[in-house]
Amino acid sequence: MLGALRSVPPQSVRRRCHLPRTACSAVSVRPARSEREFDDAARVHTAVFYPQLAASPLLRPAASFLEWDFAAGVKFKLRKAEPGTSTACLLAFLGDAVVGCAIVDTAADRFDSAFPLLWPPRPSSQPSRGLAVAYLNSLCVDPRFRRRGAASALLEAAQAVAAGWGCRSLALHSVYDDAPSRALYRRAGFRAVMVEQPWQQALALRDKRLVLLIRSLRTRGSAV
């Protein structure tokens, strides 16, 4: 069993943060608690982002390495988070099955690497200053369980967790040409603030353009 998550209670995020009951109420979301759950999240992550590896028996060793690397990286961030930062690994469940995951943190180190040379100084990662930006990373849902509300439930939970940390905004990157994902984020209140230019994409050695999306959060005592 992994140690306690930083700044995130172990109980259901939906119940703890009083998220509204919506069409995704059949999906429960809470932080990962055990080694097995981290492994399940890693399998979902690999199946979504590296489907060719996950589907091929010949490439299974490579997929297994990526799963280990993802799980180990997340657990390291949870155990060794820098002072003043918070990290959570959120899981979406249908029954007892892990069907989706997302990482949310306040390290604010994704902005510099995502848009090299042009991105302004990092947002503050100190909630006490009222300027904190939480970052949502690796949101993914098992292809076999899509269109059941898991992605929306993970987004709601990530917003509640970030607001609970005192963050004023939640940011994420999406593939520019991924219309379904863009539509999901638009419905959740995210707006595009920067689109990656072709030369930036080439400099970062990416095969797809990214867009940075941000939405404001309602924190305690906030009028946002």
Protein backbone atom coordinates (compact mmCIF):
# COMPACT_ATOMS: atom_id res chain seq x y z
CA MET A 1 0.00 0.00 0.00
CA LEU A 2 1.32 3.40 -0.99
CA GLY A 3 1.74 6.16 1.57
CA ALA A 4 -0.84 8.92 1.97
CA LEU A 5 -1.31 11.17 -1.03
CA ARG A 6 -0.24 14.76 -0.63
CA SER A 7 -3.16 17.08 0.08
CA VAL A 8 -5.74 14.58 -1.21
CA PRO A 9 -8.10 12.69 1.11
CA PRO A 10 -8.41 8.94 0.47
CA GLN A 11 -12.19 8.88 0.27
CA SER A 12 -14.24 9.33 -2.89
CA VAL A 13 -13.49 12.65 -4.52
CA ARG A 14 -17.10 12.93 -5.62
CA ARG A 15 -18.40 12.58 -2.05
CA ARG A 16 -15.64 14.63 -0.41
CA CYS A 17 -15.81 17.59 -2.79
CA HIS A 18 -19.62 17.53 -3.18
CA LEU A 19 -19.50 17.29 -6.95
CA PRO A 20 -22.89 17.62 -8.65
CA ARG A 21 -24.57 14.38 -9.62
CA THR A 22 -24.72 14.22 -13.40
CA ALA A 23 -25.05 11.65 -16.16
CA CYS A 24 -21.66 10.31 -15.05
CA SER A 25 -22.91 9.47 -11.54
CA ALA A 26 -22.40 5.74 -12.25
CA VAL A 27 -18.67 6.48 -12.41
CA SER A 28 -16.84 6.98 -9.12
CA VAL A 29 -13.56 8.88 -8.93
CA ARG A 30 -10.99 8.80 -6.16
CA PRO A 31 -7.19 8.92 -5.72
CA ALA A 32 -5.21 5.75 -6.35
CA ARG A 33 -4.51 3.90 -3.11
CA SER A 34 -2.63 0.71 -3.84
CA GLU A 35 0.16 -0.65 -6.01
CA ARG A 36 -2.39 -2.63 -8.00
CA GLU A 37 -4.43 0.48 -8.75
CA PHE A 38 -1.34 2.32 -9.99
CA ASP A 39 -0.59 -0.67 -12.23
CA ASP A 40 -4.17 -0.62 -13.54
CA ALA A 41 -3.85 3.11 -14.29
CA ALA A 42 -0.59 2.47 -16.13
CA ARG A 43 -2.24 -0.19 -18.29
CA VAL A 44 -5.05 2.22 -19.24
CA HIS A 45 -2.50 4.95 -20.00
CA THR A 46 -0.48 2.66 -22.28
CA ALA A 47 -3.57 1.33 -24.06
CA VAL A 48 -4.69 4.90 -24.86
CA PHE A 49 -1.41 6.60 -25.72
CA TYR A 50 0.49 3.61 -27.16
CA PRO A 51 -2.23 1.38 -28.67
CA GLN A 52 0.09 -0.32 -31.16
CA LEU A 53 2.34 -1.55 -28.35
CA ALA A 54 -0.51 -2.60 -26.10
CA ALA A 55 -2.22 -4.60 -28.86
CA SER A 56 0.81 -6.49 -30.15
CA PRO A 57 2.06 -9.64 -28.35
CA LEU A 58 5.46 -9.13 -29.97
CA LEU A 59 5.72 -5.62 -28.54
CA ARG A 60 4.38 -6.55 -25.12
CA PRO A 61 7.82 -6.13 -23.43
CA ALA A 62 7.94 -2.52 -24.62
CA ALA A 63 4.41 -1.92 -23.38
CA SER A 64 5.28 -3.45 -20.02
CA PHE A 65 8.25 -1.12 -19.70
CA LEU A 66 6.08 1.91 -20.45
CA GLU A 67 3.54 0.77 -17.86
CA TRP A 68 6.26 0.37 -15.25
CA ASP A 69 7.75 3.75 -16.14
CA PHE A 70 4.38 5.53 -15.86
CA ALA A 71 3.48 3.94 -12.52
CA ALA A 72 6.94 4.50 -11.07
CA GLY A 73 6.97 8.13 -12.20
CA VAL A 74 3.60 8.90 -10.66
CA LYS A 75 4.46 7.23 -7.36
CA PHE A 76 7.77 9.10 -7.24
CA LYS A 77 5.96 12.43 -7.71
CA LEU A 78 3.53 11.56 -4.93
CA ARG A 79 6.27 10.53 -2.51
CA LYS A 80 8.88 13.16 -3.37
CA ALA A 81 6.80 16.19 -4.26
CA GLU A 82 8.66 19.47 -3.92
CA PRO A 83 7.74 21.66 -0.94
CA GLY A 84 4.73 23.83 -1.70
CA THR A 85 3.42 21.58 -4.47
CA SER A 86 0.65 18.98 -4.54
CA THR A 87 0.05 15.97 -6.76
CA ALA A 88 -2.88 13.56 -7.13
CA CYS A 89 -3.42 10.48 -9.28
CA LEU A 90 -7.18 10.23 -9.86
CA LEU A 91 -8.84 7.02 -11.02
CA ALA A 92 -12.26 6.51 -12.59
CA PHE A 93 -14.05 3.30 -11.63
CA LEU A 94 -16.99 1.45 -13.11
CA GLY A 95 -17.74 -1.02 -10.38
CA ASP A 96 -14.35 -2.35 -9.27
CA ALA A 97 -12.67 -1.81 -12.65
CA VAL A 98 -10.26 1.08 -13.26
CA VAL A 99 -11.43 2.57 -16.56
CA GLY A 100 -9.63 5.92 -16.59
CA CYS A 101 -7.00 8.04 -14.88
CA ALA A 102 -5.68 11.58 -14.70
CA ILE A 103 -2.78 13.32 -12.96
CA VAL A 104 -3.25 16.78 -11.48
CA ASP A 105 -0.46 18.77 -9.83
CA THR A 106 0.75 22.27 -9.03
CA ALA A 107 4.37 21.87 -10.10
CA ALA A 108 3.74 24.12 -13.15
CA ASP A 109 6.73 22.67 -15.00
CA ARG A 110 4.74 21.56 -18.06
CA PHE A 111 4.39 25.03 -19.53
CA ASP A 112 8.06 25.66 -20.24
CA SER A 113 8.61 22.37 -22.08
CA ALA A 114 5.33 22.42 -24.00
CA PHE A 115 5.90 25.71 -25.79
CA PRO A 116 9.66 26.26 -25.96
CA LEU A 117 11.06 29.78 -26.14
CA LEU A 118 7.71 31.59 -26.26
CA TRP A 119 5.94 30.61 -23.06
CA PRO A 120 6.09 33.34 -20.38
CA PRO A 121 7.39 32.73 -16.84
CA ARG A 122 5.74 29.93 -14.94
CA PRO A 123 2.51 30.64 -13.08
CA SER A 124 2.83 30.77 -9.34
CA SER A 125 2.55 27.38 -7.64
CA GLN A 126 1.79 28.96 -4.25
CA PRO A 127 -1.98 28.90 -3.60
CA SER A 128 -1.61 31.40 -0.75
CA ARG A 129 -0.87 34.09 -3.34
CA GLY A 130 -4.14 33.38 -5.13
CA LEU A 131 -2.42 32.91 -8.50
CA ALA A 132 -1.86 29.17 -8.52
CA VAL A 133 -2.42 27.17 -11.68
CA ALA A 134 -2.94 23.43 -11.39
CA TYR A 135 -2.07 21.27 -14.38
CA LEU A 136 -4.08 18.27 -15.60
CA ASN A 137 -2.03 15.63 -17.36
CA SER A 138 -2.56 12.18 -18.89
CA LEU A 139 -6.34 12.18 -18.73
CA CYS A 140 -7.34 8.96 -20.48
CA VAL A 141 -10.16 6.44 -20.57
CA ASP A 142 -9.98 2.78 -21.57
CA PRO A 143 -11.33 2.60 -25.16
CA ARG A 144 -13.65 -0.24 -24.13
CA PHE A 145 -15.43 1.99 -21.60
CA ARG A 146 -15.73 5.31 -23.38
CA ARG A 147 -18.94 7.34 -23.72
CA ARG A 148 -20.01 6.35 -20.21
CA GLY A 149 -19.06 9.59 -18.47
CA ALA A 150 -15.63 8.63 -17.15
CA ALA A 151 -13.77 11.52 -18.80
CA SER A 152 -16.31 14.07 -17.55
CA ALA A 153 -16.14 12.61 -14.06
CA LEU A 154 -12.34 12.82 -14.05
CA LEU A 155 -12.51 16.45 -15.21
CA GLU A 156 -14.98 17.32 -12.45
CA ALA A 157 -12.84 15.62 -9.84
CA ALA A 158 -9.64 17.31 -11.04
CA GLN A 159 -11.32 20.71 -10.81
CA ALA A 160 -12.56 19.98 -7.29
CA VAL A 161 -9.14 18.79 -6.14
CA ALA A 162 -7.35 21.80 -7.63
CA ALA A 163 -9.87 24.20 -6.10
CA GLY A 164 -9.40 22.44 -2.77
CA TRP A 165 -5.69 23.19 -3.01
CA GLY A 166 -6.52 26.88 -3.43
CA CYS A 167 -5.74 27.04 -7.15
CA ARG A 168 -7.52 29.68 -9.20
CA SER A 169 -7.19 27.93 -12.57
CA LEU A 170 -6.77 24.48 -14.09
CA ALA A 171 -4.73 24.09 -17.30
CA LEU A 172 -4.17 21.24 -19.72
CA HIS A 173 -2.85 20.54 -23.19
CA SER A 174 -4.92 18.90 -25.90
CA VAL A 175 -4.11 17.83 -29.43
CA TYR A 176 -5.23 20.68 -31.67
CA ASP A 177 -6.96 18.45 -34.22
CA ASP A 178 -8.66 16.16 -31.67
CA ALA A 179 -12.21 17.44 -32.10
CA PRO A 180 -13.92 15.10 -29.58
CA SER A 181 -11.48 16.02 -26.81
CA ARG A 182 -11.71 19.73 -27.62
CA ALA A 183 -15.51 19.47 -27.45
CA LEU A 184 -15.31 17.73 -24.07
CA TYR A 185 -13.06 20.43 -22.64
CA ARG A 186 -15.18 23.21 -24.14
CA ARG A 187 -18.29 21.81 -22.44
CA ALA A 188 -16.34 21.73 -19.18
CA GLY A 189 -15.57 25.44 -19.46
CA PHE A 190 -12.01 25.38 -20.80
CA ARG A 191 -10.87 28.02 -23.28
CA ALA A 192 -7.90 28.00 -25.64
CA VAL A 193 -5.18 30.50 -24.72
CA MET A 194 -2.30 29.40 -26.94
CA VAL A 195 -1.92 27.21 -30.03
CA GLU A 196 1.40 25.63 -30.85
CA GLN A 197 2.97 26.93 -34.04
CA PRO A 198 4.41 24.50 -36.63
CA TRP A 199 8.00 25.53 -35.87
CA GLN A 200 7.41 24.95 -32.15
CA GLN A 201 5.99 21.52 -32.93
CA ALA A 202 9.09 20.69 -35.00
CA LEU A 203 11.40 21.98 -32.29
CA ALA A 204 9.69 19.75 -29.72
CA LEU A 205 9.82 16.73 -32.11
CA ARG A 206 6.07 16.18 -31.85
CA ASP A 207 3.94 14.68 -34.60
CA LYS A 208 0.81 16.57 -33.48
CA ARG A 209 0.17 20.21 -32.59
CA LEU A 210 -0.92 21.09 -29.07
CA VAL A 211 -3.24 23.74 -27.74
CA LEU A 212 -3.14 25.07 -24.17
CA LEU A 213 -6.54 25.23 -22.47
CA ILE A 214 -7.38 26.91 -19.16
CA ARG A 215 -10.50 27.36 -17.07
CA SER A 216 -11.07 29.38 -13.92
CA LEU A 217 -11.97 27.59 -10.70
CA ARG A 218 -14.35 28.57 -7.95
CA THR A 219 -12.42 28.43 -4.70
CA ARG A 220 -13.71 29.08 -1.20
CA GLY A 221 -14.41 32.77 -0.89
CA SER A 222 -13.91 33.32 -4.60
CA ALA A 223 -16.32 35.15 -6.84
CA VAL A 224 -15.00 33.50 -10.03
